[in-house]
Amino acid sequence: MSNKGNRFGIGPVEIADIPSRRARDPGPMGVAVREAATSAQDASEALVEQRRQNAADARAWREAHGEGRVLVPLALDQIDTSDLPRDRLDLDGAAASDEMDELKASIRARGQREPVEVFRTADGRYELKKGWRRLTALRQLHAETGDARFAAVVARVTMAEADRVDLYIDMVEENVIRQDLSFAEMAQIAISLARDPQAGVADSEAAVGRLYRSLHKVKRAYIRSFVALMQALGDALPFPKAVPRDLGVDVARRLGDGLDAAALAARLRVAPDAEAQNRILREALTGERTAPVAGPRQKLEFRVGDSKITARDGECRIKAGVDFAALDRRTLDRAVRAFLAALSERDG
């Protein structure tokens, strides 16, 4: 079959397909430009995502910090303990107690295991909320050893709550749950809260209700009785922690019925120990007076510098950073004789 030409006798011309400009091979430079543009777009999207994640992390950190879920190291001298009254009556005794020595031994061996809790005041100060014993133990260890391990405390930091009562609740909650506070100590913190002008609590009755609302109503009634007892007797009650629950409740009831608080306070002020104090309280219930019963006095504990002194009837123990066994006998003999001579001069 022959192909017919056009009228000029020219047959059809076959023209090869010419690729369009758009589909043309871009060449090495074009490939590089395309790859650079794609890479820049990917990098821009990654940067936007990273910034978004950073913002979310910062927001989460601020929330965690505000809620007290962030632990930070603070120098010991950064923390004040003056804003809130402590929930223990005998802080000096607690600082010099055997329990404090046990806590210090634990921290010395294993480090601080539990954080303290502080709150940030409006002017930027750190005030202690929880952990007085841990903070005190670290301060004593640093003073005794100078070791940098004890120069800072691990703390959970929160902002001061709008409701100041919450600060008191947080302070006592841990010890109340552990049943580590006496009824007298729980009563005293309620009295302190009622007297706090920033708390806005009407009276000690309301303070007990706010502080100890999670406790059984019977236990709250016991605390209210001790509040009444301590408000009536004040500082005349020399060993409030040693007052048994039932005795304190009964004396508070009698004081409410008209028992002479001033006369009872006068007798209590001269009580030499907890046993004598409680005997006077029992006599106030019965109206009878008994002769003082001889018995061992409570131990006396205090510090002289870095040395801890524990005194009992017939015993005086000195715990200090001195290797007494390394001293020669004559030196110890002179020291003991001087000590006994000083006591004799006082008695004379």
C-alpha atoms as a PDB file:
ATOM      1  CA  MET A   1       0.000   0.000   0.000  1.00  0.00           C
ATOM      2  CA  SER A   2       1.514   3.247  -1.138  1.00  0.00           C
ATOM      3  CA  ASN A   3       1.281   6.459   0.786  1.00  0.00           C
ATOM      4  CA  LYS A   4      -0.387   9.281  -0.956  1.00  0.00           C
ATOM      5  CA  GLY A   5       1.303  12.606  -0.859  1.00  0.00           C
ATOM      6  CA  ASN A   6      -0.347  15.934  -0.689  1.00  0.00           C
ATOM      7  CA  ARG A   7      -0.963  17.994  -3.750  1.00  0.00           C
ATOM      8  CA  PHE A   8       2.646  18.961  -3.844  1.00  0.00           C
ATOM      9  CA  GLY A   9       3.647  15.331  -3.979  1.00  0.00           C
ATOM     10  CA  ILE A  10       5.255  15.387  -0.568  1.00  0.00           C
ATOM     11  CA  GLY A  11       4.493  12.493   1.648  1.00  0.00           C
ATOM     12  CA  PRO A  12       3.809  12.738   5.458  1.00  0.00           C
ATOM     13  CA  VAL A  13       6.753  13.707   7.551  1.00  0.00           C
ATOM     14  CA  GLU A  14       7.304  11.808  10.829  1.00  0.00           C
ATOM     15  CA  ILE A  15       8.315  14.164  13.624  1.00  0.00           C
ATOM     16  CA  ALA A  16       9.769  12.721  16.784  1.00  0.00           C
ATOM     17  CA  ASP A  17       8.048  13.591  20.058  1.00  0.00           C
ATOM     18  CA  ILE A  18       9.719  16.625  21.702  1.00  0.00           C
ATOM     19  CA  PRO A  19       9.452  16.589  25.497  1.00  0.00           C
ATOM     20  CA  SER A  20       7.659  19.539  26.975  1.00  0.00           C
ATOM     21  CA  ARG A  21       9.673  22.156  28.834  1.00  0.00           C
ATOM     22  CA  ARG A  22       7.998  21.159  32.063  1.00  0.00           C
ATOM     23  CA  ALA A  23       9.042  17.518  31.721  1.00  0.00           C
ATOM     24  CA  ARG A  24      12.544  18.321  30.622  1.00  0.00           C
ATOM     25  CA  ASP A  25      15.421  16.907  32.667  1.00  0.00           C
ATOM     26  CA  PRO A  26      16.225  19.651  35.214  1.00  0.00           C
ATOM     27  CA  GLY A  27      19.886  18.873  35.326  1.00  0.00           C
ATOM     28  CA  PRO A  28      22.139  18.776  38.378  1.00  0.00           C
ATOM     29  CA  MET A  29      21.587  22.398  39.328  1.00  0.00           C
ATOM     30  CA  GLY A  30      17.808  22.039  39.188  1.00  0.00           C
ATOM     31  CA  VAL A  31      17.925  18.903  41.294  1.00  0.00           C
ATOM     32  CA  ALA A  32      20.050  20.669  43.883  1.00  0.00           C
ATOM     33  CA  VAL A  33      17.660  23.621  43.999  1.00  0.00           C
ATOM     34  CA  ARG A  34      14.649  21.339  44.402  1.00  0.00           C
ATOM     35  CA  GLU A  35      16.339  19.341  47.155  1.00  0.00           C
ATOM     36  CA  ALA A  36      17.381  22.512  48.965  1.00  0.00           C
ATOM     37  CA  ALA A  37      13.826  23.869  48.807  1.00  0.00           C
ATOM     38  CA  THR A  38      12.377  20.601  50.110  1.00  0.00           C
ATOM     39  CA  SER A  39      14.968  20.450  52.878  1.00  0.00           C
ATOM     40  CA  ALA A  40      14.271  24.038  53.882  1.00  0.00           C
ATOM     41  CA  GLN A  41      10.543  23.370  54.043  1.00  0.00           C
ATOM     42  CA  ASP A  42      11.077  20.228  56.147  1.00  0.00           C
ATOM     43  CA  ALA A  43      13.461  22.103  58.439  1.00  0.00           C
ATOM     44  CA  SER A  44      10.975  24.937  58.847  1.00  0.00           C
ATOM     45  CA  GLU A  45       8.197  22.518  59.761  1.00  0.00           C
ATOM     46  CA  ALA A  46      10.493  20.699  62.205  1.00  0.00           C
ATOM     47  CA  LEU A  47      11.495  24.026  63.790  1.00  0.00           C
ATOM     48  CA  VAL A  48       7.864  25.032  64.207  1.00  0.00           C
ATOM     49  CA  GLU A  49       7.094  21.665  65.805  1.00  0.00           C
ATOM     50  CA  GLN A  50      10.130  21.941  68.104  1.00  0.00           C
ATOM     51  CA  ARG A  51       9.090  25.402  69.227  1.00  0.00           C
ATOM     52  CA  ARG A  52       5.575  24.152  69.849  1.00  0.00           C
ATOM     53  CA  GLN A  53       6.955  21.266  71.944  1.00  0.00           C
ATOM     54  CA  ASN A  54       9.297  23.597  73.853  1.00  0.00           C
ATOM     55  CA  ALA A  55       6.378  25.873  74.699  1.00  0.00           C
ATOM     56  CA  ALA A  56       4.327  22.879  75.875  1.00  0.00           C
ATOM     57  CA  ASP A  57       7.247  21.609  77.994  1.00  0.00           C
ATOM     58  CA  ALA A  58       7.765  25.049  79.545  1.00  0.00           C
ATOM     59  CA  ARG A  59       4.069  25.316  80.356  1.00  0.00           C
ATOM     60  CA  ALA A  60       4.072  21.823  81.886  1.00  0.00           C
ATOM     61  CA  TRP A  61       7.181  22.672  83.938  1.00  0.00           C
ATOM     62  CA  ARG A  62       5.602  25.883  85.262  1.00  0.00           C
ATOM     63  CA  GLU A  63       2.465  23.970  86.218  1.00  0.00           C
ATOM     64  CA  ALA A  64       4.511  21.241  87.912  1.00  0.00           C
ATOM     65  CA  HIS A  65       6.603  23.847  89.740  1.00  0.00           C
ATOM     66  CA  GLY A  66       3.508  25.694  90.910  1.00  0.00           C
ATOM     67  CA  GLU A  67       1.980  22.453  92.164  1.00  0.00           C
ATOM     68  CA  GLY A  68       5.116  21.453  94.039  1.00  0.00           C
ATOM     69  CA  ARG A  69       6.096  18.542  91.802  1.00  0.00           C
ATOM     70  CA  VAL A  70       9.585  19.880  91.026  1.00  0.00           C
ATOM     71  CA  LEU A  71      12.517  19.206  93.371  1.00  0.00           C
ATOM     72  CA  VAL A  72      15.332  21.752  93.581  1.00  0.00           C
ATOM     73  CA  PRO A  73      18.460  22.042  95.745  1.00  0.00           C
ATOM     74  CA  LEU A  74      18.486  25.092  98.032  1.00  0.00           C
ATOM     75  CA  ALA A  75      21.305  26.367 100.206  1.00  0.00           C
ATOM     76  CA  LEU A  76      20.536  25.957 103.896  1.00  0.00           C
ATOM     77  CA  ASP A  77      20.655  29.688 104.538  1.00  0.00           C
ATOM     78  CA  GLN A  78      18.080  30.344 101.802  1.00  0.00           C
ATOM     79  CA  ILE A  79      15.285  28.851 103.910  1.00  0.00           C
ATOM     80  CA  ASP A  80      13.579  30.752 106.740  1.00  0.00           C
ATOM     81  CA  THR A  81      11.556  29.064 109.469  1.00  0.00           C
ATOM     82  CA  SER A  82       9.989  32.139 111.042  1.00  0.00           C
ATOM     83  CA  ASP A  83       6.747  32.593 109.112  1.00  0.00           C
ATOM     84  CA  LEU A  84       4.824  29.615 110.497  1.00  0.00           C
ATOM     85  CA  PRO A  85       4.824  28.444 114.116  1.00  0.00           C
ATOM     86  CA  ARG A  86       6.225  24.929 114.254  1.00  0.00           C
ATOM     87  CA  ASP A  87       3.912  22.070 115.172  1.00  0.00           C
ATOM     88  CA  ARG A  88       6.239  20.858 117.943  1.00  0.00           C
ATOM     89  CA  LEU A  89       6.296  22.447 121.373  1.00  0.00           C
ATOM     90  CA  ASP A  90       9.856  21.608 122.438  1.00  0.00           C
ATOM     91  CA  LEU A  91      12.003  22.435 119.411  1.00  0.00           C
ATOM     92  CA  ASP A  92      15.222  22.650 121.425  1.00  0.00           C
ATOM     93  CA  GLY A  93      14.549  19.238 122.911  1.00  0.00           C
ATOM     94  CA  ALA A  94      13.761  17.773 119.490  1.00  0.00           C
ATOM     95  CA  ALA A  95      16.969  19.254 118.064  1.00  0.00           C
ATOM     96  CA  ALA A  96      19.058  17.615 120.811  1.00  0.00           C
ATOM     97  CA  SER A  97      17.152  14.314 120.995  1.00  0.00           C
ATOM     98  CA  ASP A  98      18.335  10.784 120.267  1.00  0.00           C
ATOM     99  CA  GLU A  99      15.844  10.715 117.394  1.00  0.00           C
ATOM    100  CA  MET A 100      17.642  13.660 115.803  1.00  0.00           C
ATOM    101  CA  ASP A 101      20.947  11.807 116.134  1.00  0.00           C
ATOM    102  CA  GLU A 102      19.389   8.783 114.419  1.00  0.00           C
ATOM    103  CA  LEU A 103      18.114  10.955 111.567  1.00  0.00           C
ATOM    104  CA  LYS A 104      21.546  12.539 111.175  1.00  0.00           C
ATOM    105  CA  ALA A 105      23.179   9.105 111.066  1.00  0.00           C
ATOM    106  CA  SER A 106      20.749   8.068 108.318  1.00  0.00           C
ATOM    107  CA  ILE A 107      21.412  11.199 106.252  1.00  0.00           C
ATOM    108  CA  ARG A 108      25.158  10.830 106.758  1.00  0.00           C
ATOM    109  CA  ALA A 109      25.037   7.246 105.462  1.00  0.00           C
ATOM    110  CA  ARG A 110      22.431   7.489 102.703  1.00  0.00           C
ATOM    111  CA  GLY A 111      21.868  11.166 102.022  1.00  0.00           C
ATOM    112  CA  GLN A 112      18.583  13.042 102.254  1.00  0.00           C
ATOM    113  CA  ARG A 113      15.906  10.570 101.178  1.00  0.00           C
ATOM    114  CA  GLU A 114      12.791  12.728 101.523  1.00  0.00           C
ATOM    115  CA  PRO A 115      12.524  16.357 100.363  1.00  0.00           C
ATOM    116  CA  VAL A 116      11.424  19.185 102.609  1.00  0.00           C
ATOM    117  CA  GLU A 117       8.646  21.445 101.396  1.00  0.00           C
ATOM    118  CA  VAL A 118       8.956  25.212 101.178  1.00  0.00           C
ATOM    119  CA  PHE A 119       6.773  27.963  99.797  1.00  0.00           C
ATOM    120  CA  ARG A 120       7.825  31.094  97.954  1.00  0.00           C
ATOM    121  CA  THR A 121       6.604  34.316  99.511  1.00  0.00           C
ATOM    122  CA  ALA A 122       5.531  37.378  97.549  1.00  0.00           C
ATOM    123  CA  ASP A 123       8.915  39.016  98.135  1.00  0.00           C
ATOM    124  CA  GLY A 124      10.789  35.952  96.863  1.00  0.00           C
ATOM    125  CA  ARG A 125      11.858  34.354 100.160  1.00  0.00           C
ATOM    126  CA  TYR A 126      11.695  30.618 100.816  1.00  0.00           C
ATOM    127  CA  GLU A 127       9.760  29.705 103.976  1.00  0.00           C
ATOM    128  CA  LEU A 128       9.690  26.201 105.413  1.00  0.00           C
ATOM    129  CA  LYS A 129       6.362  24.397 105.287  1.00  0.00           C
ATOM    130  CA  LYS A 130       7.273  20.761 106.003  1.00  0.00           C
ATOM    131  CA  GLY A 131      10.450  19.013 107.099  1.00  0.00           C
ATOM    132  CA  TRP A 132      11.770  20.919 110.121  1.00  0.00           C
ATOM    133  CA  ARG A 133      13.571  17.832 111.453  1.00  0.00           C
ATOM    134  CA  ARG A 134      15.269  17.107 108.114  1.00  0.00           C
ATOM    135  CA  LEU A 135      16.374  20.725 107.690  1.00  0.00           C
ATOM    136  CA  THR A 136      17.650  20.854 111.273  1.00  0.00           C
ATOM    137  CA  ALA A 137      19.564  17.589 110.839  1.00  0.00           C
ATOM    138  CA  LEU A 138      21.292  18.902 107.710  1.00  0.00           C
ATOM    139  CA  ARG A 139      22.172  22.178 109.425  1.00  0.00           C
ATOM    140  CA  GLN A 140      23.690  20.319 112.366  1.00  0.00           C
ATOM    141  CA  LEU A 141      25.620  17.973 110.083  1.00  0.00           C
ATOM    142  CA  HIS A 142      27.026  20.857 108.055  1.00  0.00           C
ATOM    143  CA  ALA A 143      28.007  22.748 111.223  1.00  0.00           C
ATOM    144  CA  GLU A 144      29.692  19.638 112.652  1.00  0.00           C
ATOM    145  CA  THR A 145      31.508  18.432 109.525  1.00  0.00           C
ATOM    146  CA  GLY A 146      31.722  21.310 107.035  1.00  0.00           C
ATOM    147  CA  ASP A 147      30.985  18.698 104.371  1.00  0.00           C
ATOM    148  CA  ALA A 148      29.552  20.197 101.163  1.00  0.00           C
ATOM    149  CA  ARG A 149      27.151  17.226 100.943  1.00  0.00           C
ATOM    150  CA  PHE A 150      25.179  18.772 103.792  1.00  0.00           C
ATOM    151  CA  ALA A 151      25.300  22.387 102.588  1.00  0.00           C
ATOM    152  CA  ALA A 152      22.051  22.175 100.604  1.00  0.00           C
ATOM    153  CA  VAL A 153      18.636  20.644 101.093  1.00  0.00           C
ATOM    154  CA  VAL A 154      16.463  19.061  98.414  1.00  0.00           C
ATOM    155  CA  ALA A 155      13.147  20.915  98.497  1.00  0.00           C
ATOM    156  CA  ARG A 156       9.764  20.874  96.841  1.00  0.00           C
ATOM    157  CA  VAL A 157       8.856  24.497  96.104  1.00  0.00           C
ATOM    158  CA  THR A 158       5.351  25.929  95.843  1.00  0.00           C
ATOM    159  CA  MET A 159       3.933  29.421  95.876  1.00  0.00           C
ATOM    160  CA  ALA A 160       2.206  30.600  99.036  1.00  0.00           C
ATOM    161  CA  GLU A 161      -1.429  29.555  98.929  1.00  0.00           C
ATOM    162  CA  ALA A 162      -4.096  32.245  98.811  1.00  0.00           C
ATOM    163  CA  ASP A 163      -5.651  30.563 101.850  1.00  0.00           C
ATOM    164  CA  ARG A 164      -3.088  30.763 104.654  1.00  0.00           C
ATOM    165  CA  VAL A 165      -4.880  28.002 106.555  1.00  0.00           C
ATOM    166  CA  ASP A 166      -3.690  25.587 103.867  1.00  0.00           C
ATOM    167  CA  LEU A 167      -0.097  26.323 104.890  1.00  0.00           C
ATOM    168  CA  TYR A 168      -0.880  25.225 108.434  1.00  0.00           C
ATOM    169  CA  ILE A 169      -2.709  22.131 107.209  1.00  0.00           C
ATOM    170  CA  ASP A 170       0.222  21.110 105.018  1.00  0.00           C
ATOM    171  CA  MET A 171       2.616  21.643 107.909  1.00  0.00           C
ATOM    172  CA  VAL A 172       0.784  19.360 110.351  1.00  0.00           C
ATOM    173  CA  GLU A 173      -0.721  16.840 107.927  1.00  0.00           C
ATOM    174  CA  GLU A 174       2.324  14.600 107.681  1.00  0.00           C
ATOM    175  CA  ASN A 175       2.822  14.320 111.449  1.00  0.00           C
ATOM    176  CA  VAL A 176      -0.887  13.883 112.161  1.00  0.00           C
ATOM    177  CA  ILE A 177      -1.104  10.994 109.696  1.00  0.00           C
ATOM    178  CA  ARG A 178       1.942   9.397 111.342  1.00  0.00           C
ATOM    179  CA  GLN A 179       0.354  10.076 114.768  1.00  0.00           C
ATOM    180  CA  ASP A 180       3.610  11.805 115.654  1.00  0.00           C
ATOM    181  CA  LEU A 181       2.013  14.792 117.402  1.00  0.00           C
ATOM    182  CA  SER A 182       0.631  14.836 120.920  1.00  0.00           C
ATOM    183  CA  PHE A 183      -2.797  16.277 121.665  1.00  0.00           C
ATOM    184  CA  ALA A 184      -1.077  19.248 123.300  1.00  0.00           C
ATOM    185  CA  GLU A 185       0.923  19.960 120.129  1.00  0.00           C
ATOM    186  CA  MET A 186      -2.154  19.684 117.929  1.00  0.00           C
ATOM    187  CA  ALA A 187      -3.981  22.036 120.286  1.00  0.00           C
ATOM    188  CA  GLN A 188      -1.120  24.543 120.294  1.00  0.00           C
ATOM    189  CA  ILE A 189      -1.015  24.814 116.514  1.00  0.00           C
ATOM    190  CA  ALA A 190      -4.782  25.431 116.503  1.00  0.00           C
ATOM    191  CA  ILE A 191      -4.282  28.217 119.051  1.00  0.00           C
ATOM    192  CA  SER A 192      -1.512  29.684 116.882  1.00  0.00           C
ATOM    193  CA  LEU A 193      -3.716  29.573 113.787  1.00  0.00           C
ATOM    194  CA  ALA A 194      -6.555  31.350 115.608  1.00  0.00           C
ATOM    195  CA  ARG A 195      -4.098  34.083 116.639  1.00  0.00           C
ATOM    196  CA  ASP A 196      -2.602  34.487 113.166  1.00  0.00           C
ATOM    197  CA  PRO A 197      -3.926  37.825 111.827  1.00  0.00           C
ATOM    198  CA  GLN A 198      -3.354  36.724 108.207  1.00  0.00           C
ATOM    199  CA  ALA A 199      -5.406  33.525 108.503  1.00  0.00           C
ATOM    200  CA  GLY A 200      -8.820  35.075 109.106  1.00  0.00           C
ATOM    201  CA  VAL A 201      -9.939  32.270 111.451  1.00  0.00           C
ATOM    202  CA  ALA A 202     -12.500  33.410 113.995  1.00  0.00           C
ATOM    203  CA  ASP A 203     -11.353  31.419 117.036  1.00  0.00           C
ATOM    204  CA  SER A 204      -9.650  28.225 118.177  1.00  0.00           C
ATOM    205  CA  GLU A 205     -12.886  26.255 117.737  1.00  0.00           C
ATOM    206  CA  ALA A 206     -12.940  27.168 114.058  1.00  0.00           C
ATOM    207  CA  ALA A 207      -9.192  26.518 113.814  1.00  0.00           C
ATOM    208  CA  VAL A 208      -9.615  22.937 115.041  1.00  0.00           C
ATOM    209  CA  GLY A 209     -12.385  22.406 112.503  1.00  0.00           C
ATOM    210  CA  ARG A 210     -10.237  23.703 109.636  1.00  0.00           C
ATOM    211  CA  LEU A 211      -6.978  22.021 110.608  1.00  0.00           C
ATOM    212  CA  TYR A 212      -8.286  18.602 111.582  1.00  0.00           C
ATOM    213  CA  ARG A 213     -11.426  18.164 109.513  1.00  0.00           C
ATOM    214  CA  SER A 214     -10.127  14.831 108.192  1.00  0.00           C
ATOM    215  CA  LEU A 215      -9.911  13.385 111.725  1.00  0.00           C
ATOM    216  CA  HIS A 216     -12.753  11.594 113.467  1.00  0.00           C
ATOM    217  CA  LYS A 217     -15.062  13.911 115.393  1.00  0.00           C
ATOM    218  CA  VAL A 218     -14.143  12.219 118.688  1.00  0.00           C
ATOM    219  CA  LYS A 219     -10.468  13.007 118.147  1.00  0.00           C
ATOM    220  CA  ARG A 220     -11.349  16.595 117.262  1.00  0.00           C
ATOM    221  CA  ALA A 221     -13.238  16.785 120.557  1.00  0.00           C
ATOM    222  CA  TYR A 222     -10.101  15.664 122.410  1.00  0.00           C
ATOM    223  CA  ILE A 223      -8.067  18.367 120.652  1.00  0.00           C
ATOM    224  CA  ARG A 224     -10.646  21.006 121.637  1.00  0.00           C
ATOM    225  CA  SER A 225     -10.351  19.886 125.257  1.00  0.00           C
ATOM    226  CA  PHE A 226      -6.584  20.349 125.146  1.00  0.00           C
ATOM    227  CA  VAL A 227      -7.084  23.758 123.548  1.00  0.00           C
ATOM    228  CA  ALA A 228      -9.215  24.739 126.533  1.00  0.00           C
ATOM    229  CA  LEU A 229      -6.654  23.255 128.942  1.00  0.00           C
ATOM    230  CA  MET A 230      -3.720  25.129 127.424  1.00  0.00           C
ATOM    231  CA  GLN A 231      -5.584  28.399 127.061  1.00  0.00           C
ATOM    232  CA  ALA A 232      -6.582  28.259 130.728  1.00  0.00           C
ATOM    233  CA  LEU A 233      -3.148  27.313 132.079  1.00  0.00           C
ATOM    234  CA  GLY A 234      -0.871  28.910 129.490  1.00  0.00           C
ATOM    235  CA  ASP A 235       2.847  28.652 130.171  1.00  0.00           C
ATOM    236  CA  ALA A 236       2.159  27.277 133.654  1.00  0.00           C
ATOM    237  CA  LEU A 237       1.822  23.797 132.146  1.00  0.00           C
ATOM    238  CA  PRO A 238       5.514  22.878 132.014  1.00  0.00           C
ATOM    239  CA  PHE A 239       5.332  19.519 130.213  1.00  0.00           C
ATOM    240  CA  PRO A 240       2.204  19.652 128.036  1.00  0.00           C
ATOM    241  CA  LYS A 241       3.249  16.800 125.759  1.00  0.00           C
ATOM    242  CA  ALA A 242       3.338  14.461 128.768  1.00  0.00           C
ATOM    243  CA  VAL A 243      -0.315  15.020 129.730  1.00  0.00           C
ATOM    244  CA  PRO A 244      -2.275  11.807 128.996  1.00  0.00           C
ATOM    245  CA  ARG A 245      -5.345  12.197 126.833  1.00  0.00           C
ATOM    246  CA  ASP A 246      -7.983  11.277 129.416  1.00  0.00           C
ATOM    247  CA  LEU A 247      -6.344  13.345 132.162  1.00  0.00           C
ATOM    248  CA  GLY A 248      -6.191  16.407 129.929  1.00  0.00           C
ATOM    249  CA  VAL A 249      -9.832  16.017 128.870  1.00  0.00           C
ATOM    250  CA  ASP A 250     -11.020  15.611 132.474  1.00  0.00           C
ATOM    251  CA  VAL A 251      -9.062  18.621 133.764  1.00  0.00           C
ATOM    252  CA  ALA A 252     -10.340  20.763 130.903  1.00  0.00           C
ATOM    253  CA  ARG A 253     -13.913  19.787 131.794  1.00  0.00           C
ATOM    254  CA  ARG A 254     -13.356  20.709 135.459  1.00  0.00           C
ATOM    255  CA  LEU A 255     -11.850  24.055 134.443  1.00  0.00           C
ATOM    256  CA  GLY A 256     -14.983  24.691 132.421  1.00  0.00           C
ATOM    257  CA  ASP A 257     -17.068  23.885 135.517  1.00  0.00           C
ATOM    258  CA  GLY A 258     -15.294  26.502 137.616  1.00  0.00           C
ATOM    259  CA  LEU A 259     -12.048  24.924 138.839  1.00  0.00           C
ATOM    260  CA  ASP A 260      -9.661  27.686 139.996  1.00  0.00           C
ATOM    261  CA  ALA A 261      -7.217  27.935 137.065  1.00  0.00           C
ATOM    262  CA  ALA A 262      -4.974  30.482 138.804  1.00  0.00           C
ATOM    263  CA  ALA A 263      -4.431  28.270 141.858  1.00  0.00           C
ATOM    264  CA  LEU A 264      -3.756  25.240 139.665  1.00  0.00           C
ATOM    265  CA  ALA A 265      -1.305  27.224 137.527  1.00  0.00           C
ATOM    266  CA  ALA A 266       0.603  28.363 140.633  1.00  0.00           C
ATOM    267  CA  ARG A 267       1.139  24.752 141.682  1.00  0.00           C
ATOM    268  CA  LEU A 268       2.087  23.605 138.188  1.00  0.00           C
ATOM    269  CA  ARG A 269       4.784  26.247 137.770  1.00  0.00           C
ATOM    270  CA  VAL A 270       6.962  24.595 140.395  1.00  0.00           C
ATOM    271  CA  ALA A 271       6.510  21.045 139.104  1.00  0.00           C
ATOM    272  CA  PRO A 272      10.041  19.652 138.647  1.00  0.00           C
ATOM    273  CA  ASP A 273       9.141  17.004 136.078  1.00  0.00           C
ATOM    274  CA  ALA A 274       6.301  15.495 134.061  1.00  0.00           C
ATOM    275  CA  GLU A 275       5.394  13.010 136.779  1.00  0.00           C
ATOM    276  CA  ALA A 276       4.915  15.784 139.355  1.00  0.00           C
ATOM    277  CA  GLN A 277       2.930  17.830 136.829  1.00  0.00           C
ATOM    278  CA  ASN A 278       0.487  14.995 136.133  1.00  0.00           C
ATOM    279  CA  ARG A 279       0.147  14.236 139.835  1.00  0.00           C
ATOM    280  CA  ILE A 280      -0.901  17.870 140.444  1.00  0.00           C
ATOM    281  CA  LEU A 281      -3.461  17.602 137.631  1.00  0.00           C
ATOM    282  CA  ARG A 282      -4.927  14.420 139.136  1.00  0.00           C
ATOM    283  CA  GLU A 283      -5.118  16.079 142.528  1.00  0.00           C
ATOM    284  CA  ALA A 284      -7.057  18.922 140.930  1.00  0.00           C
ATOM    285  CA  LEU A 285      -9.703  16.369 139.922  1.00  0.00           C
ATOM    286  CA  THR A 286      -9.993  14.713 143.323  1.00  0.00           C
ATOM    287  CA  GLY A 287      -9.405  17.739 145.547  1.00  0.00           C
ATOM    288  CA  GLU A 288      -6.822  15.759 147.510  1.00  0.00           C
ATOM    289  CA  ARG A 289      -3.143  16.455 147.849  1.00  0.00           C
ATOM    290  CA  THR A 290      -0.614  13.682 148.251  1.00  0.00           C
ATOM    291  CA  ALA A 291       2.994  13.834 149.312  1.00  0.00           C
ATOM    292  CA  PRO A 292       5.412  14.063 146.406  1.00  0.00           C
ATOM    293  CA  VAL A 293       6.373  10.639 145.195  1.00  0.00           C
ATOM    294  CA  ALA A 294      10.099  10.205 144.730  1.00  0.00           C
ATOM    295  CA  GLY A 295      10.980   8.954 141.317  1.00  0.00           C
ATOM    296  CA  PRO A 296      13.458   9.381 138.519  1.00  0.00           C
ATOM    297  CA  ARG A 297      13.491  12.791 136.898  1.00  0.00           C
ATOM    298  CA  GLN A 298      13.225  13.124 133.186  1.00  0.00           C
ATOM    299  CA  LYS A 299      16.513  13.247 131.375  1.00  0.00           C
ATOM    300  CA  LEU A 300      17.870  16.663 130.503  1.00  0.00           C
ATOM    301  CA  GLU A 301      19.340  17.188 127.041  1.00  0.00           C
ATOM    302  CA  PHE A 302      21.039  20.279 125.656  1.00  0.00           C
ATOM    303  CA  ARG A 303      24.014  21.380 123.570  1.00  0.00           C
ATOM    304  CA  VAL A 304      27.192  23.255 124.370  1.00  0.00           C
ATOM    305  CA  GLY A 305      28.660  24.260 121.038  1.00  0.00           C
ATOM    306  CA  ASP A 306      28.875  21.093 118.968  1.00  0.00           C
ATOM    307  CA  SER A 307      28.732  18.830 122.030  1.00  0.00           C
ATOM    308  CA  LYS A 308      25.528  17.135 123.145  1.00  0.00           C
ATOM    309  CA  ILE A 309      24.925  16.709 126.871  1.00  0.00           C
ATOM    310  CA  THR A 310      22.491  14.132 128.281  1.00  0.00           C
ATOM    311  CA  ALA A 311      21.971  14.261 132.054  1.00  0.00           C
ATOM    312  CA  ARG A 312      20.054  11.849 134.278  1.00  0.00           C
ATOM    313  CA  ASP A 313      20.080  10.987 137.967  1.00  0.00           C
ATOM    314  CA  GLY A 314      23.635   9.833 138.589  1.00  0.00           C
ATOM    315  CA  GLU A 315      24.662  10.036 134.947  1.00  0.00           C
ATOM    316  CA  CYS A 316      26.035  12.704 132.627  1.00  0.00           C
ATOM    317  CA  ARG A 317      26.920  11.758 129.052  1.00  0.00           C
ATOM    318  CA  ILE A 318      28.924  14.035 126.757  1.00  0.00           C
ATOM    319  CA  LYS A 319      28.821  13.342 123.034  1.00  0.00           C
ATOM    320  CA  ALA A 320      31.366  15.383 121.103  1.00  0.00           C
ATOM    321  CA  GLY A 321      33.626  15.173 118.085  1.00  0.00           C
ATOM    322  CA  VAL A 322      36.556  14.183 120.299  1.00  0.00           C
ATOM    323  CA  ASP A 323      38.303  10.814 120.488  1.00  0.00           C
ATOM    324  CA  PHE A 324      38.273  10.562 124.280  1.00  0.00           C
ATOM    325  CA  ALA A 325      39.986   7.171 124.165  1.00  0.00           C
ATOM    326  CA  ALA A 326      43.009   8.770 122.503  1.00  0.00           C
ATOM    327  CA  LEU A 327      43.505  11.213 125.400  1.00  0.00           C
ATOM    328  CA  ASP A 328      45.878  10.256 128.174  1.00  0.00           C
ATOM    329  CA  ARG A 329      44.382   9.440 131.517  1.00  0.00           C
ATOM    330  CA  ARG A 330      45.853  12.451 133.297  1.00  0.00           C
ATOM    331  CA  THR A 331      44.143  14.853 130.893  1.00  0.00           C
ATOM    332  CA  LEU A 332      40.768  13.175 131.397  1.00  0.00           C
ATOM    333  CA  ASP A 333      41.335  13.030 135.146  1.00  0.00           C
ATOM    334  CA  ARG A 334      41.955  16.803 135.319  1.00  0.00           C
ATOM    335  CA  ALA A 335      38.897  17.506 133.156  1.00  0.00           C
ATOM    336  CA  VAL A 336      36.585  15.346 135.294  1.00  0.00           C
ATOM    337  CA  ARG A 337      37.906  16.788 138.540  1.00  0.00           C
ATOM    338  CA  ALA A 338      37.374  20.338 137.237  1.00  0.00           C
ATOM    339  CA  PHE A 339      33.848  19.401 136.165  1.00  0.00           C
ATOM    340  CA  LEU A 340      32.965  17.925 139.585  1.00  0.00           C
ATOM    341  CA  ALA A 341      34.585  20.887 141.364  1.00  0.00           C
ATOM    342  CA  ALA A 342      32.425  23.302 139.367  1.00  0.00           C
ATOM    343  CA  LEU A 343      29.307  21.353 140.411  1.00  0.00           C
ATOM    344  CA  SER A 344      30.389  21.415 144.048  1.00  0.00           C
ATOM    345  CA  GLU A 345      30.882  25.198 143.925  1.00  0.00           C
ATOM    346  CA  ARG A 346      27.339  25.590 142.561  1.00  0.00           C
ATOM    347  CA  ASP A 347      25.886  23.404 145.318  1.00  0.00           C
ATOM    348  CA  GLY A 348      27.914  25.275 147.928  1.00  0.00           C
END
